[in-house]
Amino acid sequence: MKKISVLALAFALAGFTAQAQETATQNTEHTTQQGQEKGKQKIAPDELPDAVKQAIVTNEEYANWTLGEVHKVQAAEGGAPATFEVQFINGEEQPVVVRFDENGKKVES
């Protein structure tokens, strides 16, 4: 009877420890995502500056790509201009992110 009680206690502690580790991992991942998303705001495509819209429309590379999500990214440094991340789905069904400045110029990252 003692062996069964000890085994039951061991399994209960093992389960509790695994659950605590999983919760800690989830909290860390959530905090990391929040840090990455800071300064990044999802916007509608029609909220893009006219220069960025024009750059997208006139560039032949994007002609057959599907427009996806659009984000406005505030610079970490005060006073620096925002950039715009535009996600496309290319002809191979792969997501491609292109960054533009407010003037519609492609920004290399």
N, C-alpha and C. Protein backbone atom coordinates (compact mmCIF):
# COMPACT_ATOMS: atom_id res chain seq x y z
N MET A 1 0.81 -1.19 0.00
CA MET A 1 0.00 0.00 0.00
C MET A 1 0.86 1.26 0.00
N LYS A 2 1.99 1.19 0.75
CA LYS A 2 2.89 2.33 0.80
C LYS A 2 3.47 2.62 -0.58
N LYS A 3 3.81 1.56 -1.32
CA LYS A 3 4.41 1.73 -2.64
C LYS A 3 3.45 2.43 -3.58
N ILE A 4 2.18 2.07 -3.52
CA ILE A 4 1.17 2.68 -4.39
C ILE A 4 1.03 4.16 -4.06
N SER A 5 1.01 4.49 -2.78
CA SER A 5 0.89 5.89 -2.36
C SER A 5 2.09 6.70 -2.81
N VAL A 6 3.27 6.13 -2.67
CA VAL A 6 4.49 6.83 -3.07
C VAL A 6 4.50 7.03 -4.59
N LEU A 7 4.11 6.00 -5.34
CA LEU A 7 4.05 6.13 -6.80
C LEU A 7 3.02 7.17 -7.23
N ALA A 8 1.88 7.16 -6.59
CA ALA A 8 0.83 8.14 -6.92
C ALA A 8 1.33 9.55 -6.65
N LEU A 9 2.01 9.74 -5.53
CA LEU A 9 2.56 11.06 -5.19
C LEU A 9 3.63 11.47 -6.22
N ALA A 10 4.48 10.53 -6.62
CA ALA A 10 5.53 10.82 -7.60
C ALA A 10 4.92 11.25 -8.94
N PHE A 11 3.89 10.53 -9.39
CA PHE A 11 3.24 10.89 -10.65
C PHE A 11 2.55 12.25 -10.56
N ALA A 12 1.94 12.53 -9.43
CA ALA A 12 1.27 13.82 -9.26
C ALA A 12 2.28 14.96 -9.30
N LEU A 13 3.43 14.79 -8.64
CA LEU A 13 4.46 15.82 -8.65
C LEU A 13 5.06 16.00 -10.05
N ALA A 14 5.26 14.90 -10.74
CA ALA A 14 5.80 14.97 -12.10
C ALA A 14 4.84 15.73 -13.01
N GLY A 15 3.57 15.46 -12.89
CA GLY A 15 2.57 16.16 -13.70
C GLY A 15 2.51 17.63 -13.37
N PHE A 16 2.60 17.97 -12.09
CA PHE A 16 2.56 19.37 -11.67
C PHE A 16 3.79 20.11 -12.19
N THR A 17 4.95 19.49 -12.13
CA THR A 17 6.19 20.11 -12.60
C THR A 17 6.13 20.35 -14.11
N ALA A 18 5.63 19.38 -14.85
CA ALA A 18 5.51 19.55 -16.31
C ALA A 18 4.56 20.68 -16.66
N GLN A 19 3.46 20.78 -15.93
CA GLN A 19 2.49 21.84 -16.19
C GLN A 19 3.09 23.20 -15.87
N ALA A 20 3.84 23.31 -14.79
CA ALA A 20 4.47 24.57 -14.41
C ALA A 20 5.49 25.00 -15.46
N GLN A 21 6.27 24.05 -15.99
CA GLN A 21 7.25 24.37 -17.03
C GLN A 21 6.55 24.84 -18.30
N GLU A 22 5.45 24.20 -18.67
CA GLU A 22 4.71 24.58 -19.87
C GLU A 22 4.16 25.99 -19.73
N THR A 23 3.61 26.31 -18.58
CA THR A 23 3.07 27.64 -18.33
C THR A 23 4.17 28.69 -18.41
N ALA A 24 5.33 28.40 -17.84
CA ALA A 24 6.45 29.34 -17.88
C ALA A 24 6.89 29.57 -19.32
N THR A 25 6.94 28.53 -20.11
CA THR A 25 7.33 28.64 -21.52
C THR A 25 6.33 29.48 -22.29
N GLN A 26 5.04 29.27 -22.06
CA GLN A 26 4.01 30.04 -22.75
C GLN A 26 4.11 31.51 -22.38
N ASN A 27 4.35 31.82 -21.11
CA ASN A 27 4.47 33.21 -20.68
C ASN A 27 5.67 33.88 -21.34
N THR A 28 6.79 33.16 -21.45
CA THR A 28 7.98 33.70 -22.09
C THR A 28 7.72 33.98 -23.57
N GLU A 29 7.05 33.06 -24.26
CA GLU A 29 6.74 33.24 -25.68
C GLU A 29 5.81 34.43 -25.87
N HIS A 30 4.82 34.58 -25.01
CA HIS A 30 3.87 35.69 -25.12
C HIS A 30 4.58 37.02 -24.92
N THR A 31 5.50 37.09 -23.94
CA THR A 31 6.25 38.31 -23.68
C THR A 31 7.13 38.65 -24.87
N THR A 32 7.77 37.64 -25.46
CA THR A 32 8.62 37.86 -26.62
C THR A 32 7.81 38.40 -27.79
N GLN A 33 6.63 37.84 -28.04
CA GLN A 33 5.79 38.33 -29.13
C GLN A 33 5.38 39.77 -28.90
N GLN A 34 5.05 40.12 -27.66
CA GLN A 34 4.65 41.49 -27.37
C GLN A 34 5.81 42.44 -27.64
N GLY A 35 7.04 42.03 -27.28
CA GLY A 35 8.20 42.87 -27.53
C GLY A 35 8.44 43.08 -29.01
N GLN A 36 8.24 42.06 -29.81
CA GLN A 36 8.44 42.17 -31.25
C GLN A 36 7.36 43.04 -31.88
N GLU A 37 6.17 43.01 -31.34
CA GLU A 37 5.06 43.75 -31.93
C GLU A 37 5.03 45.21 -31.48
N LYS A 38 5.83 45.58 -30.51
CA LYS A 38 5.83 46.95 -30.02
C LYS A 38 6.25 47.88 -31.15
N GLY A 39 5.48 48.91 -31.38
CA GLY A 39 5.78 49.85 -32.44
C GLY A 39 5.31 49.41 -33.81
N LYS A 40 4.69 48.25 -33.90
CA LYS A 40 4.21 47.71 -35.17
C LYS A 40 2.70 47.66 -35.11
N GLN A 41 2.05 48.36 -36.03
CA GLN A 41 0.60 48.47 -36.01
C GLN A 41 0.03 48.01 -37.35
N LYS A 42 -0.93 47.09 -37.27
CA LYS A 42 -1.57 46.61 -38.49
C LYS A 42 -2.49 47.72 -39.00
N ILE A 43 -2.40 47.98 -40.30
CA ILE A 43 -3.25 49.00 -40.92
C ILE A 43 -3.89 48.42 -42.17
N ALA A 44 -4.91 49.09 -42.65
CA ALA A 44 -5.57 48.68 -43.89
C ALA A 44 -4.72 49.18 -45.07
N PRO A 45 -4.73 48.45 -46.18
CA PRO A 45 -3.95 48.88 -47.34
C PRO A 45 -4.27 50.30 -47.81
N ASP A 46 -5.52 50.73 -47.66
CA ASP A 46 -5.87 52.08 -48.11
C ASP A 46 -5.31 53.16 -47.19
N GLU A 47 -4.74 52.77 -46.05
CA GLU A 47 -4.12 53.73 -45.14
C GLU A 47 -2.65 53.98 -45.48
N LEU A 48 -2.12 53.25 -46.46
CA LEU A 48 -0.74 53.48 -46.89
C LEU A 48 -0.61 54.87 -47.51
N PRO A 49 0.54 55.51 -47.36
CA PRO A 49 0.75 56.79 -48.03
C PRO A 49 0.64 56.61 -49.55
N ASP A 50 0.20 57.64 -50.22
CA ASP A 50 0.02 57.57 -51.67
C ASP A 50 1.30 57.16 -52.39
N ALA A 51 2.44 57.61 -51.91
CA ALA A 51 3.71 57.26 -52.55
C ALA A 51 3.98 55.76 -52.48
N VAL A 52 3.61 55.13 -51.37
CA VAL A 52 3.80 53.68 -51.23
C VAL A 52 2.84 52.94 -52.14
N LYS A 53 1.59 53.40 -52.18
CA LYS A 53 0.61 52.77 -53.07
C LYS A 53 1.09 52.84 -54.52
N GLN A 54 1.60 53.99 -54.90
CA GLN A 54 2.09 54.19 -56.27
C GLN A 54 3.27 53.27 -56.56
N ALA A 55 4.16 53.12 -55.59
CA ALA A 55 5.33 52.25 -55.78
C ALA A 55 4.89 50.80 -55.98
N ILE A 56 3.86 50.38 -55.28
CA ILE A 56 3.36 49.01 -55.41
C ILE A 56 2.72 48.80 -56.77
N VAL A 57 1.90 49.76 -57.18
CA VAL A 57 1.16 49.63 -58.44
C VAL A 57 2.09 49.67 -59.65
N THR A 58 3.14 50.49 -59.60
CA THR A 58 3.99 50.66 -60.77
C THR A 58 5.13 49.65 -60.87
N ASN A 59 5.39 48.89 -59.82
CA ASN A 59 6.48 47.92 -59.85
C ASN A 59 5.99 46.61 -60.46
N GLU A 60 6.61 46.20 -61.56
CA GLU A 60 6.19 44.99 -62.27
C GLU A 60 6.40 43.72 -61.45
N GLU A 61 7.35 43.76 -60.52
CA GLU A 61 7.64 42.59 -59.69
C GLU A 61 6.42 42.18 -58.87
N TYR A 62 5.63 43.16 -58.43
CA TYR A 62 4.47 42.88 -57.58
C TYR A 62 3.18 42.70 -58.38
N ALA A 63 3.24 42.82 -59.68
CA ALA A 63 2.03 42.81 -60.52
C ALA A 63 1.18 41.56 -60.34
N ASN A 64 1.80 40.40 -60.24
CA ASN A 64 1.04 39.15 -60.13
C ASN A 64 1.00 38.61 -58.71
N TRP A 65 1.44 39.42 -57.76
CA TRP A 65 1.43 38.99 -56.36
C TRP A 65 0.14 39.44 -55.69
N THR A 66 -0.27 38.71 -54.68
CA THR A 66 -1.47 39.06 -53.92
C THR A 66 -1.08 39.85 -52.68
N LEU A 67 -1.76 40.96 -52.47
CA LEU A 67 -1.49 41.80 -51.31
C LEU A 67 -2.02 41.13 -50.05
N GLY A 68 -1.19 41.09 -49.02
CA GLY A 68 -1.58 40.50 -47.74
C GLY A 68 -1.70 41.57 -46.67
N GLU A 69 -1.15 41.28 -45.50
CA GLU A 69 -1.22 42.22 -44.38
C GLU A 69 -0.28 43.40 -44.59
N VAL A 70 -0.66 44.53 -43.98
CA VAL A 70 0.14 45.75 -44.06
C VAL A 70 0.34 46.26 -42.63
N HIS A 71 1.58 46.63 -42.30
CA HIS A 71 1.89 47.15 -40.97
C HIS A 71 2.65 48.47 -41.07
N LYS A 72 2.34 49.36 -40.17
CA LYS A 72 3.11 50.58 -40.01
C LYS A 72 4.04 50.34 -38.84
N VAL A 73 5.34 50.57 -39.05
CA VAL A 73 6.33 50.29 -38.02
C VAL A 73 6.97 51.61 -37.59
N GLN A 74 6.77 51.94 -36.32
CA GLN A 74 7.38 53.15 -35.78
C GLN A 74 8.85 52.86 -35.48
N ALA A 75 9.72 53.80 -35.81
CA ALA A 75 11.14 53.62 -35.57
C ALA A 75 11.42 53.62 -34.07
N ALA A 76 12.42 52.86 -33.65
CA ALA A 76 12.79 52.79 -32.25
C ALA A 76 13.40 54.11 -31.79
N GLU A 77 14.08 54.79 -32.68
CA GLU A 77 14.71 56.06 -32.34
C GLU A 77 13.70 57.19 -32.50
N GLY A 78 13.66 58.07 -31.55
CA GLY A 78 12.73 59.19 -31.62
C GLY A 78 13.01 60.07 -32.82
N GLY A 79 11.98 60.47 -33.50
CA GLY A 79 12.10 61.37 -34.64
C GLY A 79 12.35 60.69 -35.98
N ALA A 80 12.72 59.42 -35.96
CA ALA A 80 12.95 58.72 -37.23
C ALA A 80 11.59 58.43 -37.88
N PRO A 81 11.53 58.48 -39.21
CA PRO A 81 10.24 58.24 -39.87
C PRO A 81 9.80 56.77 -39.78
N ALA A 82 8.52 56.58 -39.89
CA ALA A 82 7.95 55.23 -39.88
C ALA A 82 8.23 54.53 -41.20
N THR A 83 8.22 53.21 -41.15
CA THR A 83 8.31 52.42 -42.38
C THR A 83 7.04 51.59 -42.48
N PHE A 84 6.82 51.04 -43.66
CA PHE A 84 5.61 50.26 -43.90
C PHE A 84 6.01 48.88 -44.41
N GLU A 85 5.53 47.85 -43.71
CA GLU A 85 5.79 46.47 -44.12
C GLU A 85 4.56 45.98 -44.87
N VAL A 86 4.78 45.57 -46.11
CA VAL A 86 3.68 45.08 -46.94
C VAL A 86 3.97 43.61 -47.24
N GLN A 87 3.04 42.76 -46.86
CA GLN A 87 3.20 41.33 -47.12
C GLN A 87 2.46 40.99 -48.41
N PHE A 88 3.17 40.28 -49.27
CA PHE A 88 2.59 39.78 -50.51
C PHE A 88 2.66 38.26 -50.50
N ILE A 89 1.84 37.63 -51.31
CA ILE A 89 1.96 36.20 -51.60
C ILE A 89 2.40 36.14 -53.05
N ASN A 90 3.61 35.60 -53.27
CA ASN A 90 4.14 35.59 -54.64
C ASN A 90 3.53 34.47 -55.46
N GLY A 91 3.97 34.34 -56.70
CA GLY A 91 3.44 33.33 -57.62
C GLY A 91 3.65 31.90 -57.16
N GLU A 92 4.60 31.70 -56.25
CA GLU A 92 4.88 30.36 -55.72
C GLU A 92 4.15 30.12 -54.40
N GLU A 93 3.18 30.98 -54.09
CA GLU A 93 2.39 30.89 -52.85
C GLU A 93 3.24 31.06 -51.59
N GLN A 94 4.36 31.78 -51.70
CA GLN A 94 5.23 32.04 -50.57
C GLN A 94 5.03 33.48 -50.11
N PRO A 95 4.99 33.72 -48.78
CA PRO A 95 4.86 35.09 -48.30
C PRO A 95 6.17 35.86 -48.49
N VAL A 96 6.04 37.09 -48.93
CA VAL A 96 7.19 37.97 -49.13
C VAL A 96 6.86 39.30 -48.47
N VAL A 97 7.75 39.79 -47.61
CA VAL A 97 7.54 41.07 -46.95
C VAL A 97 8.47 42.10 -47.60
N VAL A 98 7.88 43.22 -48.02
CA VAL A 98 8.64 44.31 -48.62
C VAL A 98 8.41 45.53 -47.75
N ARG A 99 9.50 46.23 -47.44
CA ARG A 99 9.43 47.42 -46.58
C ARG A 99 9.62 48.67 -47.43
N PHE A 100 8.81 49.68 -47.12
CA PHE A 100 8.88 50.96 -47.82
C PHE A 100 8.99 52.08 -46.81
N ASP A 101 9.64 53.19 -47.22
CA ASP A 101 9.58 54.39 -46.38
C ASP A 101 8.35 55.19 -46.79
N GLU A 102 8.15 56.33 -46.14
CA GLU A 102 6.96 57.14 -46.41
C GLU A 102 6.91 57.69 -47.83
N ASN A 103 8.09 57.74 -48.49
CA ASN A 103 8.18 58.27 -49.84
C ASN A 103 8.04 57.19 -50.91
N GLY A 104 7.75 55.95 -50.49
CA GLY A 104 7.55 54.87 -51.44
C GLY A 104 8.82 54.18 -51.89
N LYS A 105 9.94 54.52 -51.27
CA LYS A 105 11.21 53.88 -51.64
C LYS A 105 11.36 52.59 -50.84
N LYS A 106 11.83 51.56 -51.53
CA LYS A 106 12.03 50.26 -50.90
C LYS A 106 13.16 50.37 -49.88
N VAL A 107 12.92 49.83 -48.69
CA VAL A 107 13.90 49.88 -47.62
C VAL A 107 14.48 48.48 -47.44
N GLU A 108 15.79 48.37 -47.55
CA GLU A 108 16.44 47.06 -47.34
C GLU A 108 16.61 46.87 -45.84
N SER A 109 16.38 45.63 -45.40
CA SER A 109 16.52 45.38 -43.95
C SER A 109 17.67 44.47 -43.66
